[in-house]
Amino acid sequence: MFPLFPEEAIIQFSDAFVERKLKKGAYLLQEGQICQELVFILKGNMMCYYLKNGKRYIDEFSLDCEFMTDYTSLINQTQTDKYIECIEDCTVYGLTREKLYAFYEQPQQQFEKLGRLMAEQLFLEWNQRSKSLLMDSASERYLKLIENRSYLPQRVPQFLIAEYLGITPESLSRLKKNLNNLKT
């Protein structure tokens, strides 16, 4: 899906990222801030969520070898309404918006193409999640989660998975029990 790049372009791009370590419970981004970077998670686990009237609404999880950012805030340079929190200790590599846009401006346009492909992938994932929340039952959403990201239940506490699915932890336990009974 992603284009092949000359070795010197890969080196140039990877050298622009800055490594840092974040502890469990640390925030990469909080409501009201303006997102200034795209982060690649080398090791660890983060969740992105919204708060409304004290209730958390989990939007996504990103784990090892995945990217995390508030793309809307990054592009528009507007205040975010999201929280991005580490749910494990994380080692991340951050690329500032300034450096990202400098790559987009290079005459070879290979980085601009990469940015477009990444944006298209983010849109497709968002579209599937949005459609699933509207159209699928809780058990269908859980089955899709297990099918597409089977490693998630081993790395994310069950109560957070329940929140992500839009159900209570008790409902998730019943759902899993029913699915296990169907298998036997």
N, C-alpha and C. Protein backbone atom coordinates (compact mmCIF):
# COMPACT_ATOMS: atom_id res chain seq x y z
N MET A 1 0.81 -1.20 0.00
CA MET A 1 0.00 0.00 0.00
C MET A 1 0.86 1.26 0.00
N PHE A 2 1.90 1.29 0.84
CA PHE A 2 2.75 2.46 0.89
C PHE A 2 3.89 2.32 -0.10
N PRO A 3 4.25 3.43 -0.73
CA PRO A 3 5.28 3.38 -1.77
C PRO A 3 6.66 3.03 -1.21
N LEU A 4 7.49 2.50 -2.07
CA LEU A 4 8.87 2.24 -1.71
C LEU A 4 9.65 3.54 -1.84
N PHE A 5 10.53 3.78 -0.90
CA PHE A 5 11.31 5.00 -0.90
C PHE A 5 12.78 4.67 -1.05
N PRO A 6 13.52 5.59 -1.66
CA PRO A 6 14.97 5.42 -1.70
C PRO A 6 15.52 5.43 -0.27
N GLU A 7 16.60 4.70 -0.06
CA GLU A 7 17.18 4.56 1.28
C GLU A 7 17.51 5.92 1.90
N GLU A 8 18.04 6.85 1.11
CA GLU A 8 18.40 8.15 1.67
C GLU A 8 17.17 8.93 2.14
N ALA A 9 16.03 8.73 1.47
CA ALA A 9 14.79 9.39 1.90
C ALA A 9 14.30 8.80 3.22
N ILE A 10 14.41 7.49 3.37
CA ILE A 10 14.01 6.83 4.61
C ILE A 10 14.87 7.31 5.77
N ILE A 11 16.17 7.42 5.54
CA ILE A 11 17.09 7.89 6.58
C ILE A 11 16.76 9.34 6.95
N GLN A 12 16.55 10.16 5.95
CA GLN A 12 16.23 11.57 6.19
C GLN A 12 14.93 11.68 7.00
N PHE A 13 13.93 10.92 6.65
CA PHE A 13 12.64 10.96 7.34
C PHE A 13 12.77 10.45 8.77
N SER A 14 13.42 9.31 8.96
CA SER A 14 13.54 8.74 10.31
C SER A 14 14.40 9.60 11.22
N ASP A 15 15.39 10.29 10.67
CA ASP A 15 16.23 11.18 11.48
C ASP A 15 15.47 12.40 12.01
N ALA A 16 14.34 12.72 11.39
CA ALA A 16 13.56 13.89 11.81
C ALA A 16 12.72 13.61 13.06
N PHE A 17 12.53 12.34 13.40
CA PHE A 17 11.76 11.96 14.58
C PHE A 17 12.62 12.06 15.83
N VAL A 18 12.01 12.47 16.93
CA VAL A 18 12.71 12.60 18.21
C VAL A 18 12.11 11.60 19.19
N GLU A 19 13.00 10.81 19.81
CA GLU A 19 12.54 9.79 20.77
C GLU A 19 12.29 10.40 22.13
N ARG A 20 11.24 9.88 22.78
CA ARG A 20 11.03 10.20 24.19
C ARG A 20 10.22 9.09 24.85
N LYS A 21 10.30 9.07 26.15
CA LYS A 21 9.61 8.04 26.93
C LYS A 21 8.51 8.71 27.74
N LEU A 22 7.37 8.05 27.78
CA LEU A 22 6.22 8.54 28.54
C LEU A 22 5.77 7.45 29.50
N LYS A 23 5.46 7.83 30.70
CA LYS A 23 5.02 6.87 31.71
C LYS A 23 3.52 6.60 31.59
N LYS A 24 3.11 5.44 32.07
CA LYS A 24 1.70 5.10 32.14
C LYS A 24 0.97 6.22 32.87
N GLY A 25 -0.15 6.66 32.30
CA GLY A 25 -0.92 7.76 32.89
C GLY A 25 -0.54 9.13 32.36
N ALA A 26 0.58 9.23 31.66
CA ALA A 26 0.99 10.52 31.07
C ALA A 26 0.10 10.84 29.87
N TYR A 27 -0.02 12.11 29.59
CA TYR A 27 -0.81 12.56 28.45
C TYR A 27 0.10 13.03 27.32
N LEU A 28 -0.19 12.56 26.15
CA LEU A 28 0.46 13.07 24.95
C LEU A 28 -0.21 14.39 24.55
N LEU A 29 -1.52 14.45 24.79
CA LEU A 29 -2.30 15.61 24.39
C LEU A 29 -3.53 15.68 25.30
N GLN A 30 -3.93 16.92 25.65
CA GLN A 30 -5.12 17.11 26.47
C GLN A 30 -6.01 18.18 25.85
N GLU A 31 -7.28 18.09 26.17
CA GLU A 31 -8.26 19.04 25.67
C GLU A 31 -7.76 20.47 25.86
N GLY A 32 -7.93 21.29 24.82
CA GLY A 32 -7.51 22.69 24.87
C GLY A 32 -6.14 22.95 24.28
N GLN A 33 -5.31 21.92 24.18
CA GLN A 33 -3.99 22.10 23.58
C GLN A 33 -4.12 22.07 22.05
N ILE A 34 -3.08 22.54 21.38
CA ILE A 34 -3.01 22.45 19.92
C ILE A 34 -1.97 21.40 19.58
N CYS A 35 -2.38 20.40 18.82
CA CYS A 35 -1.49 19.29 18.47
C CYS A 35 -0.37 19.80 17.56
N GLN A 36 0.86 19.46 17.92
CA GLN A 36 2.03 19.92 17.18
C GLN A 36 2.86 18.79 16.60
N GLU A 37 2.39 17.53 16.78
CA GLU A 37 3.24 16.44 16.29
C GLU A 37 2.44 15.19 15.94
N LEU A 38 3.05 14.42 15.10
CA LEU A 38 2.62 13.08 14.76
C LEU A 38 3.54 12.15 15.52
N VAL A 39 2.99 11.16 16.21
CA VAL A 39 3.79 10.29 17.06
C VAL A 39 3.70 8.85 16.56
N PHE A 40 4.86 8.23 16.47
CA PHE A 40 4.95 6.80 16.17
C PHE A 40 5.25 6.10 17.49
N ILE A 41 4.41 5.14 17.86
CA ILE A 41 4.60 4.41 19.12
C ILE A 41 5.50 3.22 18.84
N LEU A 42 6.72 3.29 19.29
CA LEU A 42 7.62 2.16 19.13
C LEU A 42 7.21 1.03 20.06
N LYS A 43 6.94 1.38 21.30
CA LYS A 43 6.54 0.39 22.30
C LYS A 43 5.56 1.05 23.25
N GLY A 44 4.46 0.37 23.52
CA GLY A 44 3.50 0.90 24.48
C GLY A 44 2.10 0.90 23.93
N ASN A 45 1.22 1.60 24.64
CA ASN A 45 -0.20 1.56 24.35
C ASN A 45 -0.81 2.88 24.79
N MET A 46 -1.56 3.50 23.89
CA MET A 46 -2.23 4.77 24.18
C MET A 46 -3.69 4.66 23.81
N MET A 47 -4.49 5.49 24.47
CA MET A 47 -5.89 5.59 24.07
C MET A 47 -6.23 7.05 23.84
N CYS A 48 -7.14 7.24 22.93
CA CYS A 48 -7.63 8.56 22.58
C CYS A 48 -9.10 8.60 23.00
N TYR A 49 -9.49 9.66 23.72
CA TYR A 49 -10.88 9.73 24.17
C TYR A 49 -11.34 11.18 24.30
N TYR A 50 -12.65 11.31 24.44
CA TYR A 50 -13.31 12.58 24.69
C TYR A 50 -13.95 12.51 26.07
N LEU A 51 -14.14 13.65 26.70
CA LEU A 51 -14.89 13.74 27.95
C LEU A 51 -16.10 14.64 27.72
N LYS A 52 -17.26 14.16 28.18
CA LYS A 52 -18.46 14.99 28.12
C LYS A 52 -19.24 14.75 29.41
N ASN A 53 -19.46 15.81 30.15
CA ASN A 53 -20.18 15.73 31.42
C ASN A 53 -19.57 14.66 32.33
N GLY A 54 -18.25 14.57 32.35
CA GLY A 54 -17.56 13.62 33.20
C GLY A 54 -17.52 12.19 32.69
N LYS A 55 -18.12 11.93 31.56
CA LYS A 55 -18.13 10.58 30.99
C LYS A 55 -17.10 10.50 29.86
N ARG A 56 -16.34 9.41 29.87
CA ARG A 56 -15.30 9.20 28.86
C ARG A 56 -15.87 8.43 27.68
N TYR A 57 -15.50 8.86 26.47
CA TYR A 57 -15.88 8.18 25.23
C TYR A 57 -14.60 7.86 24.48
N ILE A 58 -14.26 6.57 24.46
CA ILE A 58 -13.00 6.15 23.84
C ILE A 58 -13.17 6.07 22.33
N ASP A 59 -12.26 6.74 21.65
CA ASP A 59 -12.27 6.81 20.19
C ASP A 59 -11.39 5.74 19.57
N GLU A 60 -10.22 5.51 20.17
CA GLU A 60 -9.30 4.54 19.57
C GLU A 60 -8.19 4.17 20.55
N PHE A 61 -7.54 3.07 20.21
CA PHE A 61 -6.33 2.62 20.89
C PHE A 61 -5.23 2.54 19.84
N SER A 62 -4.03 2.89 20.22
CA SER A 62 -2.87 2.71 19.35
C SER A 62 -1.78 2.04 20.15
N LEU A 63 -1.21 0.99 19.58
CA LEU A 63 -0.20 0.20 20.26
C LEU A 63 1.09 0.20 19.47
N ASP A 64 2.01 -0.69 19.87
CA ASP A 64 3.32 -0.81 19.23
C ASP A 64 3.22 -0.68 17.70
N CYS A 65 4.12 0.13 17.16
CA CYS A 65 4.27 0.29 15.71
C CYS A 65 3.04 0.88 15.03
N GLU A 66 2.33 1.73 15.75
CA GLU A 66 1.20 2.46 15.17
C GLU A 66 1.41 3.96 15.44
N PHE A 67 0.73 4.77 14.65
CA PHE A 67 0.79 6.22 14.82
C PHE A 67 -0.35 6.71 15.69
N MET A 68 -0.13 7.86 16.33
CA MET A 68 -1.17 8.49 17.14
C MET A 68 -1.02 9.99 17.03
N THR A 69 -2.14 10.67 16.85
CA THR A 69 -2.17 12.13 16.84
C THR A 69 -3.63 12.56 16.86
N ASP A 70 -3.88 13.84 17.04
CA ASP A 70 -5.19 14.41 16.75
C ASP A 70 -5.02 15.09 15.40
N TYR A 71 -5.39 14.37 14.38
CA TYR A 71 -5.14 14.81 13.01
C TYR A 71 -5.84 16.14 12.70
N THR A 72 -7.06 16.33 13.21
CA THR A 72 -7.80 17.57 12.95
C THR A 72 -7.06 18.76 13.57
N SER A 73 -6.64 18.63 14.81
CA SER A 73 -5.91 19.71 15.47
C SER A 73 -4.56 19.95 14.80
N LEU A 74 -3.90 18.87 14.40
CA LEU A 74 -2.60 18.98 13.75
C LEU A 74 -2.70 19.75 12.43
N ILE A 75 -3.69 19.42 11.64
CA ILE A 75 -3.85 20.07 10.33
C ILE A 75 -4.32 21.51 10.47
N ASN A 76 -5.38 21.72 11.26
CA ASN A 76 -6.01 23.04 11.36
C ASN A 76 -5.36 23.96 12.38
N GLN A 77 -4.49 23.39 13.25
CA GLN A 77 -3.88 24.15 14.33
C GLN A 77 -4.95 24.81 15.20
N THR A 78 -5.95 24.02 15.53
CA THR A 78 -7.02 24.43 16.44
C THR A 78 -6.91 23.62 17.72
N GLN A 79 -7.55 24.12 18.78
CA GLN A 79 -7.51 23.41 20.05
C GLN A 79 -8.19 22.05 19.91
N THR A 80 -7.58 21.06 20.53
CA THR A 80 -8.14 19.72 20.50
C THR A 80 -9.25 19.59 21.54
N ASP A 81 -10.17 18.68 21.27
CA ASP A 81 -11.17 18.33 22.27
C ASP A 81 -10.95 16.89 22.73
N LYS A 82 -9.77 16.35 22.44
CA LYS A 82 -9.42 14.97 22.78
C LYS A 82 -8.39 14.93 23.89
N TYR A 83 -8.30 13.74 24.45
CA TYR A 83 -7.22 13.39 25.36
C TYR A 83 -6.51 12.18 24.75
N ILE A 84 -5.21 12.19 24.75
CA ILE A 84 -4.43 11.02 24.34
C ILE A 84 -3.57 10.66 25.55
N GLU A 85 -3.87 9.50 26.13
CA GLU A 85 -3.27 9.08 27.40
C GLU A 85 -2.55 7.75 27.23
N CYS A 86 -1.41 7.63 27.88
CA CYS A 86 -0.66 6.37 27.88
C CYS A 86 -1.32 5.40 28.86
N ILE A 87 -1.65 4.20 28.39
CA ILE A 87 -2.19 3.19 29.30
C ILE A 87 -1.13 2.13 29.60
N GLU A 88 0.05 2.32 29.07
CA GLU A 88 1.26 1.58 29.41
C GLU A 88 2.41 2.57 29.32
N ASP A 89 3.56 2.23 29.89
CA ASP A 89 4.76 3.02 29.61
C ASP A 89 5.00 2.97 28.11
N CYS A 90 5.38 4.09 27.52
CA CYS A 90 5.54 4.17 26.07
C CYS A 90 6.90 4.74 25.68
N THR A 91 7.44 4.21 24.59
CA THR A 91 8.56 4.81 23.90
C THR A 91 8.02 5.28 22.57
N VAL A 92 8.11 6.58 22.32
CA VAL A 92 7.53 7.16 21.11
C VAL A 92 8.58 7.95 20.34
N TYR A 93 8.30 8.12 19.07
CA TYR A 93 9.10 8.99 18.21
C TYR A 93 8.15 10.04 17.64
N GLY A 94 8.44 11.30 17.92
CA GLY A 94 7.59 12.39 17.48
C GLY A 94 8.18 13.14 16.30
N LEU A 95 7.31 13.49 15.38
CA LEU A 95 7.68 14.32 14.23
C LEU A 95 6.83 15.58 14.30
N THR A 96 7.48 16.73 14.42
CA THR A 96 6.73 17.98 14.55
C THR A 96 5.98 18.29 13.26
N ARG A 97 4.92 19.06 13.41
CA ARG A 97 4.11 19.50 12.26
C ARG A 97 5.00 20.27 11.28
N GLU A 98 5.87 21.10 11.82
CA GLU A 98 6.76 21.91 10.99
C GLU A 98 7.63 21.02 10.10
N LYS A 99 8.22 19.98 10.69
CA LYS A 99 9.08 19.08 9.91
C LYS A 99 8.25 18.25 8.93
N LEU A 100 7.06 17.82 9.36
CA LEU A 100 6.19 17.05 8.48
C LEU A 100 5.84 17.85 7.23
N TYR A 101 5.44 19.10 7.42
CA TYR A 101 5.06 19.93 6.29
C TYR A 101 6.27 20.29 5.41
N ALA A 102 7.45 20.36 6.01
CA ALA A 102 8.67 20.58 5.21
C ALA A 102 8.92 19.38 4.30
N PHE A 103 8.66 18.18 4.79
CA PHE A 103 8.79 16.98 3.94
C PHE A 103 7.78 17.04 2.80
N TYR A 104 6.56 17.48 3.09
CA TYR A 104 5.53 17.57 2.04
C TYR A 104 5.94 18.52 0.92
N GLU A 105 6.73 19.53 1.25
CA GLU A 105 7.12 20.55 0.29
C GLU A 105 8.30 20.14 -0.60
N GLN A 106 8.92 19.01 -0.32
CA GLN A 106 10.08 18.59 -1.12
C GLN A 106 9.66 18.31 -2.56
N PRO A 107 10.51 18.65 -3.52
CA PRO A 107 10.14 18.56 -4.93
C PRO A 107 9.84 17.13 -5.43
N GLN A 108 10.39 16.11 -4.79
CA GLN A 108 10.16 14.74 -5.25
C GLN A 108 8.71 14.29 -5.00
N GLN A 109 8.00 14.92 -4.11
CA GLN A 109 6.60 14.65 -3.76
C GLN A 109 6.34 13.26 -3.18
N GLN A 110 7.39 12.51 -2.89
CA GLN A 110 7.18 11.18 -2.33
C GLN A 110 6.57 11.26 -0.92
N PHE A 111 6.96 12.27 -0.13
CA PHE A 111 6.43 12.40 1.22
C PHE A 111 4.99 12.91 1.18
N GLU A 112 4.71 13.77 0.22
CA GLU A 112 3.34 14.23 0.07
C GLU A 112 2.42 13.06 -0.28
N LYS A 113 2.90 12.16 -1.12
CA LYS A 113 2.13 10.97 -1.47
C LYS A 113 1.95 10.09 -0.23
N LEU A 114 2.99 9.93 0.57
CA LEU A 114 2.90 9.14 1.79
C LEU A 114 1.87 9.76 2.73
N GLY A 115 1.89 11.07 2.88
CA GLY A 115 0.92 11.76 3.73
C GLY A 115 -0.51 11.55 3.25
N ARG A 116 -0.70 11.60 1.94
CA ARG A 116 -2.04 11.37 1.39
C ARG A 116 -2.49 9.94 1.67
N LEU A 117 -1.60 8.98 1.47
CA LEU A 117 -1.96 7.58 1.72
C LEU A 117 -2.28 7.34 3.18
N MET A 118 -1.52 7.97 4.08
CA MET A 118 -1.81 7.83 5.51
C MET A 118 -3.16 8.46 5.84
N ALA A 119 -3.44 9.62 5.28
CA ALA A 119 -4.73 10.29 5.52
C ALA A 119 -5.88 9.43 5.00
N GLU A 120 -5.70 8.83 3.83
CA GLU A 120 -6.74 7.96 3.29
C GLU A 120 -6.97 6.76 4.19
N GLN A 121 -5.89 6.18 4.72
CA GLN A 121 -6.02 5.03 5.63
C GLN A 121 -6.75 5.43 6.91
N LEU A 122 -6.40 6.59 7.47
CA LEU A 122 -7.09 7.08 8.67
C LEU A 122 -8.58 7.28 8.40
N PHE A 123 -8.90 7.85 7.24
CA PHE A 123 -10.30 8.06 6.89
C PHE A 123 -11.05 6.74 6.78
N LEU A 124 -10.45 5.75 6.13
CA LEU A 124 -11.11 4.46 5.98
C LEU A 124 -11.37 3.80 7.33
N GLU A 125 -10.39 3.86 8.23
CA GLU A 125 -10.56 3.29 9.56
C GLU A 125 -11.66 4.03 10.33
N TRP A 126 -11.64 5.36 10.26
CA TRP A 126 -12.66 6.16 10.93
C TRP A 126 -14.04 5.84 10.37
N ASN A 127 -14.15 5.72 9.07
CA ASN A 127 -15.43 5.43 8.43
C ASN A 127 -15.98 4.08 8.87
N GLN A 128 -15.12 3.07 8.94
CA GLN A 128 -15.56 1.73 9.37
C GLN A 128 -16.03 1.77 10.82
N ARG A 129 -15.30 2.45 11.68
CA ARG A 129 -15.67 2.54 13.10
C ARG A 129 -17.00 3.28 13.24
N SER A 130 -17.15 4.38 12.55
CA SER A 130 -18.38 5.17 12.61
C SER A 130 -19.58 4.35 12.14
N LYS A 131 -19.40 3.68 11.02
CA LYS A 131 -20.48 2.84 10.48
C LYS A 131 -20.82 1.71 11.43
N SER A 132 -19.82 1.10 12.03
CA SER A 132 -20.04 -0.01 12.95
C SER A 132 -20.83 0.45 14.18
N LEU A 133 -20.50 1.64 14.70
CA LEU A 133 -21.23 2.16 15.86
C LEU A 133 -22.70 2.40 15.53
N LEU A 134 -22.99 2.76 14.30
CA LEU A 134 -24.37 3.01 13.88
C LEU A 134 -25.13 1.74 13.52
N MET A 135 -24.45 0.79 12.91
CA MET A 135 -25.14 -0.33 12.28
C MET A 135 -25.01 -1.67 13.01
N ASP A 136 -23.95 -1.87 13.77
CA ASP A 136 -23.67 -3.19 14.34
C ASP A 136 -24.13 -3.28 15.79
N SER A 137 -24.50 -4.49 16.18
CA SER A 137 -24.80 -4.76 17.59
C SER A 137 -23.49 -4.78 18.36
N ALA A 138 -23.59 -4.79 19.68
CA ALA A 138 -22.39 -4.84 20.52
C ALA A 138 -21.59 -6.10 20.23
N SER A 139 -22.24 -7.24 20.05
CA SER A 139 -21.51 -8.47 19.77
C SER A 139 -20.84 -8.41 18.41
N GLU A 140 -21.47 -7.79 17.43
CA GLU A 140 -20.84 -7.64 16.11
C GLU A 140 -19.62 -6.72 16.20
N ARG A 141 -19.73 -5.64 16.98
CA ARG A 141 -18.59 -4.74 17.16
C ARG A 141 -17.43 -5.47 17.85
N TYR A 142 -17.76 -6.28 18.85
CA TYR A 142 -16.72 -7.04 19.55
C TYR A 142 -16.06 -8.05 18.61
N LEU A 143 -16.85 -8.76 17.83
CA LEU A 143 -16.29 -9.74 16.90
C LEU A 143 -15.38 -9.08 15.87
N LYS A 144 -15.78 -7.91 15.39
CA LYS A 144 -14.94 -7.18 14.44
C LYS A 144 -13.63 -6.74 15.10
N LEU A 145 -13.73 -6.31 16.35
CA LEU A 145 -12.53 -5.91 17.10
C LEU A 145 -11.58 -7.09 17.21
N ILE A 146 -12.09 -8.23 17.58
CA ILE A 146 -11.26 -9.43 17.74
C ILE A 146 -10.69 -9.87 16.40
N GLU A 147 -11.48 -9.76 15.36
CA GLU A 147 -11.02 -10.15 14.02
C GLU A 147 -9.91 -9.23 13.51
N ASN A 148 -10.09 -7.94 13.71
CA ASN A 148 -9.14 -6.96 13.15
C ASN A 148 -7.96 -6.66 14.07
N ARG A 149 -8.15 -6.80 15.37
CA ARG A 149 -7.10 -6.45 16.33
C ARG A 149 -7.10 -7.46 17.47
N SER A 150 -6.82 -8.70 17.15
CA SER A 150 -6.93 -9.80 18.11
C SER A 150 -6.04 -9.62 19.34
N TYR A 151 -4.97 -8.86 19.22
CA TYR A 151 -4.04 -8.63 20.32
C TYR A 151 -4.57 -7.63 21.35
N LEU A 152 -5.57 -6.86 21.00
CA LEU A 152 -6.05 -5.79 21.87
C LEU A 152 -6.53 -6.28 23.24
N PRO A 153 -7.36 -7.34 23.31
CA PRO A 153 -7.81 -7.77 24.65
C PRO A 153 -6.69 -8.21 25.59
N GLN A 154 -5.54 -8.59 25.06
CA GLN A 154 -4.42 -8.96 25.91
C GLN A 154 -3.67 -7.73 26.43
N ARG A 155 -3.86 -6.59 25.79
CA ARG A 155 -3.09 -5.40 26.14
C ARG A 155 -3.92 -4.27 26.75
N VAL A 156 -5.24 -4.37 26.63
CA VAL A 156 -6.12 -3.30 27.09
C VAL A 156 -7.07 -3.87 28.14
N PRO A 157 -7.19 -3.21 29.30
CA PRO A 157 -8.13 -3.68 30.32
C PRO A 157 -9.55 -3.81 29.76
N GLN A 158 -10.26 -4.84 30.23
CA GLN A 158 -11.60 -5.14 29.72
C GLN A 158 -12.58 -3.98 29.90
N PHE A 159 -12.47 -3.23 30.99
CA PHE A 159 -13.41 -2.13 31.19
C PHE A 159 -13.20 -1.04 30.13
N LEU A 160 -11.96 -0.89 29.64
CA LEU A 160 -11.71 0.09 28.57
C LEU A 160 -12.24 -0.43 27.23
N ILE A 161 -12.12 -1.72 27.00
CA ILE A 161 -12.69 -2.29 25.77
C ILE A 161 -14.20 -2.13 25.79
N ALA A 162 -14.81 -2.35 26.94
CA ALA A 162 -16.26 -2.15 27.06
C ALA A 162 -16.64 -0.70 26.73
N GLU A 163 -15.89 0.25 27.29
CA GLU A 163 -16.16 1.66 26.98
C GLU A 163 -16.01 1.93 25.49
N TYR A 164 -14.98 1.38 24.88
CA TYR A 164 -14.73 1.55 23.45
C TYR A 164 -15.91 1.02 22.63
N LEU A 165 -16.47 -0.11 23.07
CA LEU A 165 -17.60 -0.72 22.37
C LEU A 165 -18.93 -0.03 22.69
N GLY A 166 -18.92 0.83 23.71
CA GLY A 166 -20.15 1.53 24.09
C GLY A 166 -21.07 0.69 24.96
N ILE A 167 -20.50 -0.24 25.73
CA ILE A 167 -21.29 -1.09 26.61
C ILE A 167 -20.67 -1.12 28.00
N THR A 168 -21.38 -1.69 28.96
CA THR A 168 -20.84 -1.80 30.32
C THR A 168 -19.89 -2.99 30.39
N PRO A 169 -18.99 -3.00 31.37
CA PRO A 169 -18.11 -4.15 31.55
C PRO A 169 -18.89 -5.45 31.79
N GLU A 170 -20.02 -5.35 32.50
CA GLU A 170 -20.85 -6.53 32.75
C GLU A 170 -21.42 -7.07 31.44
N SER A 171 -21.85 -6.17 30.58
CA SER A 171 -22.38 -6.60 29.27
C SER A 171 -21.29 -7.26 28.44
N LEU A 172 -20.09 -6.74 28.52
CA LEU A 172 -18.98 -7.36 27.78
C LEU A 172 -18.71 -8.76 28.32
N SER A 173 -18.73 -8.93 29.63
CA SER A 173 -18.52 -10.27 30.21
C SER A 173 -19.59 -11.24 29.74
N ARG A 174 -20.86 -10.81 29.75
CA ARG A 174 -21.95 -11.68 29.27
C ARG A 174 -21.78 -12.00 27.79
N LEU A 175 -21.43 -11.00 27.02
CA LEU A 175 -21.24 -11.18 25.58
C LEU A 175 -20.14 -12.21 25.31
N LYS A 176 -19.02 -12.07 26.01
CA LYS A 176 -17.90 -13.01 25.83
C LYS A 176 -18.30 -14.42 26.26
N LYS A 177 -19.05 -14.52 27.35
CA LYS A 177 -19.51 -15.82 27.83
C LYS A 177 -20.42 -16.47 26.78
N ASN A 178 -21.36 -15.68 26.24
CA ASN A 178 -22.27 -16.21 25.22
C ASN A 178 -21.52 -16.66 23.97
N LEU A 179 -20.53 -15.89 23.58
CA LEU A 179 -19.74 -16.26 22.40
C LEU A 179 -18.93 -17.54 22.66
N ASN A 180 -18.39 -17.67 23.87
CA ASN A 180 -17.66 -18.89 24.22
C ASN A 180 -18.58 -20.09 24.25
N ASN A 181 -19.81 -19.92 24.74
CA ASN A 181 -20.79 -21.01 24.76
C ASN A 181 -21.15 -21.45 23.35
N LEU A 182 -21.19 -20.52 22.42
CA LEU A 182 -21.51 -20.86 21.02
C LEU A 182 -20.39 -21.69 20.38
N LYS A 183 -19.16 -21.46 20.83
CA LYS A 183 -18.01 -22.19 20.27
C LYS A 183 -17.97 -23.65 20.72
N THR A 184 -18.53 -23.92 21.92
CA THR A 184 -18.45 -25.28 22.46
C THR A 184 -19.63 -26.13 22.07
